[in-house]
Amino acid sequence: MAKNQAAKNVVVIGTQWGDEGKGKIVDWLTDHAQGVVRFQGGHNAGHTLVVGQGDAQRVYKLNLVPSGIVRSGINCYIGNGVVLDVGHLLGEIAALEKDGLEVKNRLKVSSGCPLILSHHVALDTAREAKRAVKIGTTGKGIGPTYEDKVSRRALRVYDLFYPERFSEKLREVMDYHNFVLTNYLGAKVVDFNQQYDASMQHAIALKPMISDISVDLYAANAKGDNLLFEGAQGTLLDIDHGTYPYVTSSNCIAGQASAGTGVGANMLHYVLGITKAYTTRVGGGPFPSELDIDTESSPGFQMSDKGKEIGTVTKRKRRCGWFDAAALRRSAMINGLTGLCITKLDVLDGIKELNICVGYELDGKKIDVLPIGADDVAGCKPIYETVAGWTENTFGVKTWDGLPKNAQNYLKRLEALCGVPIAIVSTGPERDETIVIEHPFA
């Protein structure tokens, strides 16, 4: 199938433990895209968008619907790599439509998406409650649904339109999971009839939006449409490459943009890695450059307080720490990053000295790339390089020359340590609070 060479596609990836500010950047990039695509995760993702100014300003918090939906004329796609809670999706659509946005005519959903059902949520909650050491799951059924997908027992979107077969498969899988819930986890059974009836109602509402996303994306490129692939979570939460087992249940890396939508790798032209100017993590798991966020004199307190580091989905306080260049090197390798976008630079304003983690000491040896696996990461002692901070305000600065000299030096040092050029610097939540060095769609 021929592709118009004028079309360009960009993949936006979180390079840390999620919450890097991808939503704002995706929203900003939609000025140059005609389609926005989700390719992994589920409604455990939380993207916050600030649109407009003054009395006309709107804040949107999206979980499933691609961020491009807040811009008129942008087509949005949910690929097969996404696990779908249809009830949540329909609720999100209703909220957006109530706010005056046209959604259903611009949103297409893959028939291959695995369905998150009531027993998945029950399993997720019961398992986390039983664990002695918490992983930090959102309790939304994401993990158990991916587990069913890999075990080839998942019900997918297209199953909704074959009621008799859906009923048989649902009863079989629910019997299996109810046995686990009651006999192993000590939880209550999940009701078959309630789930079946809800699913049949979901089928009616969802049907107009169902499509073959692979075909749709190839067709869009063929007519010259630029596509923006919107990643969720972050590379260090990837099921294969993250700090396992303190990870999410999907692949959060650039390669998943291909597998999770059904397009070839040659359709992914530019990979933009999003990273905060410092590091955050929500939930459990090792965090080598972590700082104290409770003592007011700690830089970690400033990061937490000024950065408003509260999870969009979990509402949990995020852990904060110094920028970890060694972790970023791992992300750059895995994703094949073309460029970096640094967000929340202004949060560091006023900190006299900034530390950058440039490597670790592990078992008496120095290493310069984050190791794989939680045990080794937990054993890493950070090696810091100290650079001068700045007292000037960087919030809302829109040009490179407008940044304080020490802020420029800090960014240049991050760029050199990570080995990836900085393309964008975000200095605030609004679209125009952005410094462009190299435009990904150029």
Foldseek 3Di string as FASTA:
>chain_A
DDFDPLAAEEEEAALAQFPLQLLLVVCLLCVQFQEEEEFAEEQVFWHWAWDDDDPPIDIDIDRHWGSNQVPPRHAYEYFQRYAYALVVVVVSVVVVVVVPTDDQVRYAYEQNHFYQFPLLLLVLVLVQVPDPAHLQDLSRSGQVRLVCVVVVLTDTNNVLVVLVVVLVSLVVVLVVSQCCCCVPRVHHRDDSVVRSVVSNVSNVVCVSRYDLQLVVVRVCRRVRGYYYYYFGGHQLQAVPFHQPPSHGNHGRAQVSSCVRHPYDPVNHRAYEYRHEQWHKHDGDFFDQFWDDCPDPVTLQVLCQVVVVQADSSNRHRITTGGAELQSLLSNCVRHVHQAYEYEDLQSQAPPFKGKYFQWWQFPNDTDRHQDHYRVRSNRTHTDIDMAGHHNDGLALDQEPVPDPPSSNVSQVVSCVSNVHHHAKYARDSHSRSIYGPHSRSD
